[in-house]
N, C-alpha and C. Protein backbone atom coordinates (compact mmCIF):
# COMPACT_ATOMS: atom_id res chain seq x y z
N ALA A 1 0.83 -1.20 0.00
CA ALA A 1 0.00 0.00 0.00
C ALA A 1 0.87 1.25 0.00
N LEU A 2 1.97 1.24 0.74
CA LEU A 2 2.84 2.40 0.80
C LEU A 2 3.41 2.74 -0.57
N ALA A 3 3.81 1.73 -1.33
CA ALA A 3 4.38 1.98 -2.66
C ALA A 3 3.35 2.63 -3.58
N LEU A 4 2.10 2.22 -3.48
CA LEU A 4 1.03 2.80 -4.29
C LEU A 4 0.81 4.26 -3.92
N VAL A 5 0.78 4.56 -2.64
CA VAL A 5 0.61 5.94 -2.18
C VAL A 5 1.80 6.79 -2.63
N GLU A 6 3.00 6.26 -2.54
CA GLU A 6 4.18 6.99 -2.99
C GLU A 6 4.13 7.27 -4.49
N ARG A 7 3.65 6.29 -5.29
CA ARG A 7 3.51 6.51 -6.73
C ARG A 7 2.49 7.61 -7.01
N ALA A 8 1.40 7.62 -6.25
CA ALA A 8 0.39 8.67 -6.43
C ALA A 8 0.98 10.03 -6.08
N CYS A 9 1.74 10.11 -5.01
CA CYS A 9 2.38 11.37 -4.62
C CYS A 9 3.38 11.83 -5.67
N ASP A 10 4.14 10.89 -6.23
CA ASP A 10 5.09 11.22 -7.29
C ASP A 10 4.36 11.75 -8.52
N ALA A 11 3.22 11.15 -8.85
CA ALA A 11 2.43 11.60 -10.00
C ALA A 11 1.89 13.01 -9.77
N ILE A 12 1.50 13.30 -8.56
CA ILE A 12 1.02 14.65 -8.23
C ILE A 12 2.16 15.65 -8.36
N ALA A 13 3.32 15.29 -7.82
CA ALA A 13 4.48 16.20 -7.84
C ALA A 13 4.98 16.44 -9.26
N ALA A 14 4.82 15.45 -10.14
CA ALA A 14 5.31 15.57 -11.51
C ALA A 14 4.39 16.40 -12.39
N ARG A 15 3.18 16.60 -11.96
CA ARG A 15 2.18 17.34 -12.76
C ARG A 15 2.45 18.83 -12.70
N ASP A 16 2.27 19.52 -13.83
CA ASP A 16 2.36 20.98 -13.86
C ASP A 16 0.96 21.51 -13.57
N TRP A 17 0.75 21.95 -12.35
CA TRP A 17 -0.57 22.41 -11.91
C TRP A 17 -0.74 23.88 -12.24
N ASP A 18 -1.66 24.17 -13.11
CA ASP A 18 -1.94 25.55 -13.49
C ASP A 18 -3.18 26.03 -12.71
N VAL A 19 -3.05 26.04 -11.39
CA VAL A 19 -4.15 26.43 -10.52
C VAL A 19 -3.61 27.39 -9.48
N ALA A 20 -4.26 28.53 -9.36
CA ALA A 20 -3.85 29.49 -8.33
C ALA A 20 -4.26 28.97 -6.97
N PRO A 21 -3.40 29.11 -5.97
CA PRO A 21 -3.78 28.68 -4.62
C PRO A 21 -5.00 29.46 -4.13
N ALA A 22 -5.81 28.77 -3.34
CA ALA A 22 -7.00 29.38 -2.74
C ALA A 22 -6.84 29.36 -1.23
N ARG A 23 -7.53 30.25 -0.56
CA ARG A 23 -7.57 30.23 0.90
C ARG A 23 -8.47 29.06 1.29
N LEU A 24 -7.94 28.14 2.07
CA LEU A 24 -8.68 26.95 2.49
C LEU A 24 -9.06 27.05 3.96
N HIS A 25 -10.15 26.41 4.30
CA HIS A 25 -10.52 26.29 5.71
C HIS A 25 -9.45 25.45 6.41
N GLY A 26 -9.09 24.33 5.78
CA GLY A 26 -8.00 23.51 6.26
C GLY A 26 -8.41 22.32 7.10
N ASP A 27 -9.61 22.33 7.63
CA ASP A 27 -10.11 21.19 8.41
C ASP A 27 -11.63 21.12 8.24
N LEU A 28 -12.05 21.20 6.98
CA LEU A 28 -13.48 21.33 6.69
C LEU A 28 -14.13 19.96 6.53
N TRP A 29 -14.37 19.32 7.66
CA TRP A 29 -15.14 18.08 7.68
C TRP A 29 -16.51 18.43 8.22
N SER A 30 -17.44 17.48 8.18
CA SER A 30 -18.83 17.78 8.54
C SER A 30 -18.98 18.28 9.97
N GLY A 31 -18.08 17.92 10.87
CA GLY A 31 -18.15 18.40 12.25
C GLY A 31 -17.78 19.87 12.40
N ASN A 32 -17.15 20.43 11.39
CA ASN A 32 -16.79 21.85 11.41
C ASN A 32 -17.68 22.68 10.49
N LEU A 33 -18.80 22.10 10.11
CA LEU A 33 -19.78 22.78 9.28
C LEU A 33 -21.12 22.68 9.98
N ILE A 34 -21.64 23.83 10.36
CA ILE A 34 -22.91 23.88 11.09
C ILE A 34 -23.94 24.56 10.21
N PHE A 35 -25.13 23.98 10.14
CA PHE A 35 -26.21 24.57 9.36
C PHE A 35 -27.16 25.29 10.29
N THR A 36 -27.50 26.51 9.91
CA THR A 36 -28.44 27.32 10.68
C THR A 36 -29.55 27.78 9.74
N PRO A 37 -30.71 28.11 10.29
CA PRO A 37 -31.79 28.61 9.42
C PRO A 37 -31.36 29.91 8.73
N ALA A 38 -31.67 30.02 7.46
CA ALA A 38 -31.36 31.23 6.70
C ALA A 38 -32.56 32.17 6.72
N PRO A 39 -32.30 33.44 6.71
CA PRO A 39 -33.41 34.38 6.62
C PRO A 39 -34.24 34.11 5.36
N GLY A 40 -35.52 34.06 5.50
CA GLY A 40 -36.39 33.79 4.35
C GLY A 40 -36.58 32.32 4.05
N GLY A 41 -36.03 31.43 4.88
CA GLY A 41 -36.18 29.99 4.67
C GLY A 41 -34.89 29.34 4.21
N GLY A 42 -34.90 28.06 4.21
CA GLY A 42 -33.72 27.30 3.83
C GLY A 42 -32.70 27.26 4.95
N VAL A 43 -31.47 26.88 4.58
CA VAL A 43 -30.40 26.78 5.57
C VAL A 43 -29.17 27.53 5.08
N ARG A 44 -28.32 27.87 6.01
CA ARG A 44 -27.06 28.54 5.71
C ARG A 44 -25.97 27.76 6.42
N GLY A 45 -24.88 27.49 5.70
CA GLY A 45 -23.74 26.80 6.29
C GLY A 45 -22.80 27.78 6.96
N VAL A 46 -22.35 27.43 8.15
CA VAL A 46 -21.39 28.23 8.89
C VAL A 46 -20.20 27.33 9.19
N MET A 47 -18.99 27.80 8.83
CA MET A 47 -17.77 27.02 9.08
C MET A 47 -17.15 27.47 10.40
N ILE A 48 -16.70 26.49 11.19
CA ILE A 48 -16.06 26.79 12.46
C ILE A 48 -14.69 26.10 12.51
N ASP A 49 -13.88 26.48 13.49
CA ASP A 49 -12.61 25.82 13.81
C ASP A 49 -11.66 25.71 12.62
N PRO A 50 -11.35 26.85 11.96
CA PRO A 50 -10.48 26.76 10.79
C PRO A 50 -9.02 26.49 11.13
N ALA A 51 -8.34 25.91 10.18
CA ALA A 51 -6.88 25.76 10.18
C ALA A 51 -6.42 26.33 8.84
N ALA A 52 -6.70 27.60 8.63
CA ALA A 52 -6.57 28.25 7.32
C ALA A 52 -5.15 28.19 6.77
N HIS A 53 -5.08 27.94 5.47
CA HIS A 53 -3.83 27.96 4.74
C HIS A 53 -4.15 28.04 3.25
N GLY A 54 -3.15 28.11 2.42
CA GLY A 54 -3.35 28.15 0.98
C GLY A 54 -3.17 26.77 0.37
N GLY A 55 -3.95 26.48 -0.65
CA GLY A 55 -3.84 25.19 -1.31
C GLY A 55 -4.75 25.12 -2.53
N HIS A 56 -4.93 23.92 -3.03
CA HIS A 56 -5.77 23.72 -4.21
C HIS A 56 -7.22 24.03 -3.86
N PRO A 57 -7.94 24.71 -4.75
CA PRO A 57 -9.31 25.13 -4.44
C PRO A 57 -10.27 23.99 -4.09
N TYR A 58 -9.98 22.76 -4.51
CA TYR A 58 -10.92 21.67 -4.25
C TYR A 58 -10.59 20.85 -3.01
N THR A 59 -9.52 21.20 -2.31
CA THR A 59 -9.12 20.40 -1.15
C THR A 59 -10.18 20.40 -0.05
N ASP A 60 -10.77 21.54 0.25
CA ASP A 60 -11.84 21.56 1.25
C ASP A 60 -13.04 20.73 0.81
N LEU A 61 -13.34 20.73 -0.49
CA LEU A 61 -14.45 19.91 -0.99
C LEU A 61 -14.15 18.43 -0.80
N GLY A 62 -12.89 18.05 -0.99
CA GLY A 62 -12.50 16.66 -0.76
C GLY A 62 -12.72 16.25 0.69
N MET A 63 -12.39 17.13 1.61
CA MET A 63 -12.60 16.84 3.03
C MET A 63 -14.09 16.70 3.34
N LEU A 64 -14.90 17.60 2.81
CA LEU A 64 -16.34 17.52 3.06
C LEU A 64 -16.91 16.20 2.56
N ALA A 65 -16.48 15.78 1.38
CA ALA A 65 -16.97 14.52 0.82
C ALA A 65 -16.45 13.32 1.60
N LEU A 66 -15.21 13.40 2.05
CA LEU A 66 -14.60 12.28 2.77
C LEU A 66 -15.36 11.95 4.04
N PHE A 67 -15.83 12.97 4.72
CA PHE A 67 -16.51 12.76 6.00
C PHE A 67 -18.00 13.03 5.91
N ASP A 68 -18.57 12.82 4.72
CA ASP A 68 -20.02 12.79 4.50
C ASP A 68 -20.77 14.01 5.01
N ALA A 69 -20.35 15.17 4.60
CA ALA A 69 -21.11 16.38 4.95
C ALA A 69 -22.47 16.32 4.28
N PRO A 70 -23.49 16.83 4.94
CA PRO A 70 -24.81 16.89 4.31
C PRO A 70 -24.82 17.95 3.21
N LEU A 71 -25.76 17.83 2.32
CA LEU A 71 -26.01 18.82 1.27
C LEU A 71 -24.81 19.01 0.33
N LEU A 72 -24.07 17.94 0.07
CA LEU A 72 -22.87 18.07 -0.76
C LEU A 72 -23.17 18.61 -2.16
N ASP A 73 -24.22 18.12 -2.79
CA ASP A 73 -24.51 18.61 -4.13
C ASP A 73 -24.78 20.11 -4.12
N GLU A 74 -25.49 20.59 -3.11
CA GLU A 74 -25.78 22.01 -3.00
C GLU A 74 -24.50 22.80 -2.71
N ILE A 75 -23.65 22.26 -1.85
CA ILE A 75 -22.38 22.93 -1.53
C ILE A 75 -21.51 23.00 -2.78
N PHE A 76 -21.38 21.89 -3.49
CA PHE A 76 -20.55 21.86 -4.69
C PHE A 76 -21.10 22.83 -5.74
N GLY A 77 -22.44 22.87 -5.88
CA GLY A 77 -23.06 23.79 -6.83
C GLY A 77 -22.80 25.24 -6.46
N GLY A 78 -22.95 25.56 -5.18
CA GLY A 78 -22.71 26.92 -4.72
C GLY A 78 -21.25 27.33 -4.86
N TYR A 79 -20.38 26.36 -4.77
CA TYR A 79 -18.94 26.61 -4.89
C TYR A 79 -18.53 26.80 -6.35
N GLY A 80 -19.39 26.31 -7.25
CA GLY A 80 -19.05 26.36 -8.67
C GLY A 80 -18.12 25.25 -9.08
N ALA A 81 -18.19 24.12 -8.38
CA ALA A 81 -17.32 22.98 -8.68
C ALA A 81 -17.64 22.44 -10.08
N PRO A 82 -16.63 21.91 -10.77
CA PRO A 82 -16.88 21.36 -12.10
C PRO A 82 -17.70 20.08 -12.03
N GLU A 83 -18.28 19.72 -13.16
CA GLU A 83 -19.13 18.52 -13.21
C GLU A 83 -18.36 17.25 -12.83
N ASP A 84 -17.06 17.21 -13.10
CA ASP A 84 -16.28 16.01 -12.81
C ASP A 84 -15.64 16.05 -11.42
N ILE A 85 -16.16 16.86 -10.52
CA ILE A 85 -15.57 16.99 -9.18
C ILE A 85 -15.47 15.65 -8.47
N TRP A 86 -16.47 14.79 -8.64
CA TRP A 86 -16.45 13.50 -7.92
C TRP A 86 -15.26 12.65 -8.32
N GLU A 87 -14.84 12.74 -9.59
CA GLU A 87 -13.67 11.98 -10.05
C GLU A 87 -12.38 12.58 -9.51
N GLN A 88 -12.38 13.88 -9.24
CA GLN A 88 -11.18 14.56 -8.75
C GLN A 88 -10.99 14.43 -7.22
N LEU A 89 -12.04 14.12 -6.51
CA LEU A 89 -11.96 14.15 -5.04
C LEU A 89 -10.91 13.24 -4.43
N PRO A 90 -10.71 12.00 -4.93
CA PRO A 90 -9.69 11.15 -4.28
C PRO A 90 -8.31 11.81 -4.22
N LEU A 91 -7.95 12.57 -5.24
CA LEU A 91 -6.68 13.30 -5.24
C LEU A 91 -6.60 14.23 -4.03
N HIS A 92 -7.71 14.87 -3.72
CA HIS A 92 -7.75 15.85 -2.63
C HIS A 92 -7.99 15.19 -1.27
N GLN A 93 -8.20 13.90 -1.28
CA GLN A 93 -8.41 13.17 -0.03
C GLN A 93 -7.17 12.39 0.41
N LEU A 94 -6.16 12.33 -0.44
CA LEU A 94 -4.95 11.57 -0.09
C LEU A 94 -4.32 12.05 1.21
N HIS A 95 -4.10 13.34 1.33
CA HIS A 95 -3.44 13.85 2.53
C HIS A 95 -4.23 13.56 3.80
N PRO A 96 -5.53 13.92 3.86
CA PRO A 96 -6.24 13.63 5.11
C PRO A 96 -6.34 12.14 5.40
N LEU A 97 -6.44 11.31 4.37
CA LEU A 97 -6.47 9.87 4.61
C LEU A 97 -5.13 9.37 5.15
N ALA A 98 -4.03 9.89 4.61
CA ALA A 98 -2.72 9.49 5.12
C ALA A 98 -2.53 9.92 6.57
N VAL A 99 -2.96 11.14 6.89
CA VAL A 99 -2.86 11.62 8.27
C VAL A 99 -3.71 10.75 9.19
N HIS A 100 -4.91 10.44 8.76
CA HIS A 100 -5.78 9.61 9.61
C HIS A 100 -5.26 8.18 9.74
N ALA A 101 -4.64 7.65 8.68
CA ALA A 101 -4.05 6.32 8.78
C ALA A 101 -2.94 6.31 9.83
N GLN A 102 -2.18 7.40 9.87
CA GLN A 102 -1.08 7.50 10.84
C GLN A 102 -1.61 7.73 12.26
N THR A 103 -2.60 8.60 12.39
CA THR A 103 -3.05 9.00 13.73
C THR A 103 -4.18 8.16 14.30
N HIS A 104 -4.97 7.54 13.43
CA HIS A 104 -6.13 6.78 13.90
C HIS A 104 -6.07 5.29 13.57
N GLY A 105 -5.04 4.87 12.89
CA GLY A 105 -4.83 3.45 12.71
C GLY A 105 -5.19 2.88 11.35
N PRO A 106 -5.07 1.57 11.25
CA PRO A 106 -5.15 0.87 9.97
C PRO A 106 -6.54 0.86 9.32
N ALA A 107 -7.56 1.31 10.00
CA ALA A 107 -8.89 1.36 9.38
C ALA A 107 -8.89 2.30 8.17
N TYR A 108 -7.95 3.23 8.11
CA TYR A 108 -7.87 4.17 7.00
C TYR A 108 -6.97 3.68 5.88
N ALA A 109 -6.32 2.54 6.04
CA ALA A 109 -5.39 2.05 5.01
C ALA A 109 -6.11 1.72 3.71
N GLN A 110 -7.23 1.05 3.80
CA GLN A 110 -7.95 0.68 2.58
C GLN A 110 -8.50 1.90 1.84
N PRO A 111 -9.16 2.86 2.53
CA PRO A 111 -9.58 4.07 1.81
C PRO A 111 -8.40 4.85 1.23
N LEU A 112 -7.27 4.88 1.92
CA LEU A 112 -6.08 5.56 1.41
C LEU A 112 -5.59 4.88 0.14
N THR A 113 -5.56 3.56 0.15
CA THR A 113 -5.12 2.80 -1.02
C THR A 113 -6.05 3.05 -2.20
N ARG A 114 -7.37 3.05 -1.96
CA ARG A 114 -8.33 3.33 -3.03
C ARG A 114 -8.14 4.74 -3.59
N ALA A 115 -7.91 5.71 -2.72
CA ALA A 115 -7.70 7.08 -3.17
C ALA A 115 -6.42 7.20 -3.99
N ALA A 116 -5.38 6.50 -3.58
CA ALA A 116 -4.12 6.53 -4.33
C ALA A 116 -4.30 5.92 -5.72
N GLN A 117 -5.02 4.80 -5.80
CA GLN A 117 -5.27 4.17 -7.09
C GLN A 117 -6.12 5.07 -7.98
N ALA A 118 -7.15 5.69 -7.42
CA ALA A 118 -8.00 6.59 -8.20
C ALA A 118 -7.21 7.82 -8.67
N THR A 119 -6.29 8.30 -7.84
CA THR A 119 -5.45 9.43 -8.23
C THR A 119 -4.56 9.07 -9.39
N LEU A 120 -3.95 7.90 -9.34
CA LEU A 120 -3.10 7.46 -10.46
C LEU A 120 -3.90 7.34 -11.74
N GLU A 121 -5.12 6.82 -11.65
CA GLU A 121 -5.96 6.69 -12.84
C GLU A 121 -6.35 8.08 -13.37
N LEU A 122 -6.65 9.01 -12.48
CA LEU A 122 -7.03 10.36 -12.88
C LEU A 122 -5.89 11.08 -13.59
N LEU A 123 -4.66 10.88 -13.11
CA LEU A 123 -3.51 11.61 -13.64
C LEU A 123 -2.83 10.94 -14.82
N ARG A 124 -3.35 9.83 -15.27
CA ARG A 124 -2.76 9.16 -16.44
C ARG A 124 -2.94 9.97 -17.68
């Protein structure tokens, strides 16, 4: 599994990314997203507990999808995410999955391996 993750990281590093860094929340999982009633009806998302930094614009979306945030389609639509965002998400989930594999144990090894394989397929 480690060799596969390393190959995925090498493929990411070898790519010429023509994307301007975006300000990221940095820890945007469903527990850091609170929904409150919006004026006039509906709901409004409020982000809490940021670990702000710069990175790829879709990294926060990857975190939200990884930890099953509610209303993902609405969030992605409001963000202006591309139609193929679901295919791109494993690339943006590699880092949090690797961190969780290290800090929370082997239960994250299989999702990390799947994300690494999907990343390699995406970057071919």
